[in-house]
Amino acid sequence: MKKQYLVAAAGVLLVVAFAAAAFVYETKKANERAETTKQHASILVRDYSPTIGDPNAKVVIAEFFDPGCEACRAFHPFVKQLMAANPGKIKLVMRYTPFHAGSDQVVKMLEASRLQDKFWETLEATYAAQAVWASHGNPQPDKLWMRLGQVGLDFAQLRQDMQGRTIEKRMQQDMADAKQLQVTKTPSFFVNGKPLTSFGYQQLQNLVEREIGKNY
């Protein structure tokens, strides 16, 4: 009987030790990422980045996103709700990280739509049609065109603008910045330069509300 207790106790100790080691590791990684972000804070926002919200807002959310990412689509209305609940206090900045196959073409569509002042409408339509074009096993971004009819885009102009070198350079710059900031998955959020180290709706809300409390 004592032997059984000893084996059980040893098992519990192993679990506790493993959990403690995992916690220490995650804490270390979070601290390293926070330090990296601090060192590269100036690259969180580029002057060309799509932005919405009060330009003078004291809380800035930088979101690295992939239009083919299901989690990005799921978080999008939540971020809009945060902004609506705090009018004038939050500015959202979007950064391109097309990790999924086919997403680079859609990023070019989004960036070209900005030239027609239709970025946000195009983003909404892109997310709404994500299941149609963004299958990770067989992405078909060309299918997105048929879902953009209600946005009011000049398709001929959009196709022409998508080929521009400027759009390609911006996408490459965003990817380079993401690498510097150790962004490896989407969506990745930074609030006033602080990375969201624990992923989730509530964690993002808590971080945003802390920054609002500090600045307002």
Protein backbone atom coordinates (compact mmCIF):
# COMPACT_ATOMS: atom_id res chain seq x y z
CA MET A 1 0.00 0.00 0.00
CA LYS A 2 2.81 2.40 0.92
CA LYS A 3 4.45 1.67 -2.41
CA GLN A 4 1.24 2.67 -4.21
CA TYR A 5 1.16 5.94 -2.28
CA LEU A 6 4.78 6.61 -3.14
CA VAL A 7 4.16 5.99 -6.84
CA ALA A 8 1.10 8.25 -6.79
CA ALA A 9 2.99 10.96 -4.92
CA ALA A 10 5.86 10.74 -7.38
CA GLY A 11 3.41 11.11 -10.26
CA VAL A 12 1.87 14.21 -8.71
CA LEU A 13 5.31 15.71 -8.16
CA LEU A 14 6.22 15.08 -11.78
CA VAL A 15 3.06 16.81 -12.98
CA VAL A 16 3.68 19.77 -10.67
CA ALA A 17 7.31 20.01 -11.78
CA PHE A 18 6.31 19.88 -15.44
CA ALA A 19 3.66 22.58 -14.94
CA ALA A 20 6.14 24.77 -13.08
CA ALA A 21 8.76 24.34 -15.81
CA ALA A 22 6.18 25.16 -18.49
CA PHE A 23 5.13 28.28 -16.59
CA VAL A 24 8.73 29.44 -16.23
CA TYR A 25 9.37 28.79 -19.92
CA GLU A 26 6.25 30.67 -21.05
CA THR A 27 7.04 33.56 -18.72
CA LYS A 28 10.57 33.74 -20.09
CA LYS A 29 9.31 33.72 -23.67
CA ALA A 30 6.73 36.43 -22.88
CA ASN A 31 9.40 38.62 -21.28
CA GLU A 32 11.73 38.11 -24.23
CA ARG A 33 8.99 39.04 -26.67
CA ALA A 34 8.07 42.13 -24.65
CA GLU A 35 11.72 43.22 -24.68
CA THR A 36 11.97 42.60 -28.43
CA THR A 37 8.82 44.66 -29.01
CA LYS A 38 10.21 47.47 -26.89
CA GLN A 39 13.40 47.53 -28.94
CA HIS A 40 11.47 47.62 -32.23
CA ALA A 41 8.45 49.70 -31.16
CA SER A 42 9.02 52.15 -34.00
CA ILE A 43 8.12 49.52 -36.63
CA LEU A 44 4.73 48.59 -35.17
CA VAL A 45 3.03 51.23 -37.31
CA ARG A 46 4.02 52.35 -40.80
CA ASP A 47 2.76 55.55 -42.39
CA TYR A 48 1.04 53.53 -45.14
CA SER A 49 -0.76 51.13 -42.76
CA PRO A 50 -4.60 51.00 -43.00
CA THR A 51 -5.96 52.79 -39.94
CA ILE A 52 -9.39 53.40 -38.46
CA GLY A 53 -10.48 55.33 -35.39
CA ASP A 54 -9.69 58.76 -33.99
CA PRO A 55 -6.23 59.79 -35.26
CA ASN A 56 -5.54 61.27 -31.81
CA ALA A 57 -6.65 58.20 -29.85
CA LYS A 58 -4.29 57.39 -26.99
CA VAL A 59 -4.72 53.63 -27.31
CA VAL A 60 -3.35 52.10 -30.51
CA ILE A 61 -4.02 48.48 -31.45
CA ALA A 62 -1.64 47.13 -34.08
CA GLU A 63 -3.01 43.90 -35.56
CA PHE A 64 -0.91 41.62 -37.73
CA PHE A 65 -3.47 39.69 -39.75
CA ASP A 66 -3.93 37.23 -42.59
CA PRO A 67 -7.18 37.57 -44.60
CA GLY A 68 -7.30 33.77 -44.89
CA CYS A 69 -7.02 33.23 -41.13
CA GLU A 70 -10.21 32.02 -39.39
CA ALA A 71 -9.13 33.48 -36.04
CA CYS A 72 -8.56 36.88 -37.67
CA ARG A 73 -12.09 36.78 -39.04
CA ALA A 74 -13.44 35.79 -35.61
CA PHE A 75 -11.58 38.57 -33.80
CA HIS A 76 -12.53 41.31 -36.27
CA PRO A 77 -16.05 41.99 -34.91
CA PHE A 78 -14.73 41.74 -31.35
CA VAL A 79 -12.16 44.48 -32.01
CA LYS A 80 -14.90 46.62 -33.59
CA GLN A 81 -16.98 46.11 -30.45
CA LEU A 82 -14.08 47.27 -28.27
CA MET A 83 -13.78 50.41 -30.37
CA ALA A 84 -17.53 51.08 -30.30
CA ALA A 85 -17.57 50.67 -26.52
CA ASN A 86 -14.77 53.23 -26.17
CA PRO A 87 -15.53 55.94 -28.76
CA GLY A 88 -12.61 58.12 -29.70
CA LYS A 89 -10.15 56.28 -27.45
CA ILE A 90 -8.89 53.48 -29.71
CA LYS A 91 -7.14 53.53 -33.08
CA LEU A 92 -6.74 50.28 -35.04
CA VAL A 93 -3.79 49.77 -37.36
CA MET A 94 -3.72 46.76 -39.71
CA ARG A 95 -0.50 45.03 -40.77
CA TYR A 96 -0.28 42.38 -43.48
CA THR A 97 1.06 38.91 -42.66
CA PRO A 98 -0.15 36.58 -45.44
CA PHE A 99 1.12 33.30 -43.98
CA HIS A 100 -1.53 31.16 -45.69
CA ALA A 101 -1.23 30.13 -49.34
CA GLY A 102 -3.21 32.46 -51.60
CA SER A 103 -3.47 35.23 -49.02
CA ASP A 104 -0.78 37.33 -50.69
CA GLN A 105 -3.06 37.85 -53.70
CA VAL A 106 -5.91 38.88 -51.42
CA VAL A 107 -3.63 41.31 -49.58
CA LYS A 108 -2.92 42.92 -52.94
CA MET A 109 -6.69 43.22 -53.52
CA LEU A 110 -7.12 44.86 -50.13
CA GLU A 111 -4.26 47.27 -50.63
CA ALA A 112 -5.44 48.16 -54.14
CA SER A 113 -8.95 48.76 -52.78
CA ARG A 114 -7.50 51.48 -50.54
CA LEU A 115 -6.75 53.51 -53.66
CA GLN A 116 -10.52 53.56 -54.21
CA ASP A 117 -11.22 54.32 -50.51
CA LYS A 118 -12.82 50.89 -50.13
CA PHE A 119 -10.39 49.06 -47.86
CA TRP A 120 -12.68 48.44 -44.90
CA GLU A 121 -15.64 47.45 -47.08
CA THR A 122 -13.39 45.06 -49.00
CA LEU A 123 -12.02 43.59 -45.79
CA GLU A 124 -15.56 42.91 -44.53
CA ALA A 125 -16.47 41.22 -47.81
CA THR A 126 -13.24 39.23 -47.77
CA TYR A 127 -13.93 37.85 -44.30
CA ALA A 128 -17.57 37.14 -45.17
CA ALA A 129 -16.44 35.06 -48.17
CA GLN A 130 -13.47 33.43 -46.44
CA ALA A 131 -15.01 29.95 -46.53
CA VAL A 132 -15.37 30.24 -50.30
CA TRP A 133 -11.82 31.23 -51.25
CA ALA A 134 -9.53 30.42 -48.32
CA SER A 135 -9.62 26.63 -47.96
CA HIS A 136 -6.15 25.89 -46.61
CA GLY A 137 -5.93 22.64 -48.52
CA ASN A 138 -7.01 24.28 -51.78
CA PRO A 139 -7.07 28.10 -51.61
CA GLN A 140 -8.81 29.74 -54.57
CA PRO A 141 -8.45 33.51 -54.13
CA ASP A 142 -9.86 34.14 -57.62
CA LYS A 143 -13.26 33.11 -56.24
CA LEU A 144 -13.23 36.23 -54.09
CA TRP A 145 -13.85 38.45 -57.10
CA MET A 146 -17.45 37.27 -57.44
CA ARG A 147 -18.07 38.21 -53.79
CA LEU A 148 -16.84 41.81 -54.12
CA GLY A 149 -19.63 42.99 -56.41
CA GLN A 150 -21.48 44.83 -53.64
CA VAL A 151 -18.43 46.83 -52.55
CA GLY A 152 -18.57 49.18 -55.52
CA LEU A 153 -15.04 48.64 -56.79
CA ASP A 154 -13.75 49.42 -60.26
CA PHE A 155 -12.43 45.92 -61.00
CA ALA A 156 -10.38 46.92 -64.04
CA GLN A 157 -8.58 49.57 -62.01
CA LEU A 158 -8.21 47.19 -59.06
CA ARG A 159 -6.52 44.54 -61.23
CA GLN A 160 -4.16 47.13 -62.64
CA ASP A 161 -3.27 48.58 -59.23
CA MET A 162 -2.64 45.12 -57.78
CA GLN A 163 0.36 44.79 -60.08
CA GLY A 164 2.02 47.93 -58.73
CA ARG A 165 5.46 47.64 -57.20
CA THR A 166 4.42 49.82 -54.25
CA ILE A 167 1.89 47.26 -53.04
CA GLU A 168 4.45 44.46 -53.28
CA LYS A 169 6.98 46.52 -51.30
CA ARG A 170 4.46 47.29 -48.57
CA MET A 171 3.57 43.65 -48.15
CA GLN A 172 7.24 42.71 -47.97
CA GLN A 173 7.88 45.45 -45.41
CA ASP A 174 5.03 44.24 -43.21
CA MET A 175 6.37 40.69 -43.34
CA ALA A 176 9.86 41.92 -42.46
CA ASP A 177 8.48 43.91 -39.52
CA ALA A 178 6.51 40.87 -38.36
CA LYS A 179 9.69 38.82 -38.36
CA GLN A 180 11.52 41.46 -36.32
CA LEU A 181 8.67 41.48 -33.81
CA GLN A 182 8.61 37.68 -33.62
CA VAL A 183 5.11 37.44 -35.06
CA THR A 184 4.65 33.81 -36.08
CA LYS A 185 0.86 33.45 -36.07
CA THR A 186 -2.23 35.51 -36.75
CA PRO A 187 -3.87 37.48 -35.43
CA SER A 188 -1.09 39.00 -33.32
CA PHE A 189 -2.00 42.09 -31.35
CA PHE A 190 0.07 44.88 -29.83
CA VAL A 191 -1.62 47.51 -27.67
CA ASN A 192 0.38 50.70 -27.19
CA GLY A 193 3.48 48.70 -28.03
CA LYS A 194 2.70 45.87 -25.60
CA PRO A 195 2.31 42.39 -27.15
CA LEU A 196 -0.68 40.25 -26.29
CA THR A 197 1.29 37.38 -24.78
CA SER A 198 -1.70 35.25 -23.74
CA PHE A 199 -4.11 34.77 -26.62
CA GLY A 200 -7.86 35.21 -26.21
CA TYR A 201 -10.78 37.62 -26.37
CA GLN A 202 -10.73 38.40 -22.66
CA GLN A 203 -6.97 38.83 -22.60
CA LEU A 204 -7.17 41.38 -25.42
CA GLN A 205 -10.01 43.23 -23.72
CA ASN A 206 -8.09 43.32 -20.44
CA LEU A 207 -4.98 44.72 -22.13
CA VAL A 208 -6.98 47.37 -23.98
CA GLU A 209 -8.89 48.38 -20.86
CA ARG A 210 -5.65 48.67 -18.86
CA GLU A 211 -4.23 51.02 -21.47
CA ILE A 212 -7.44 53.06 -21.53
CA GLY A 213 -7.29 53.32 -17.75
CA LYS A 214 -3.70 54.57 -17.91
CA ASN A 215 -4.31 57.13 -20.61
CA TYR A 216 -7.82 58.48 -19.91
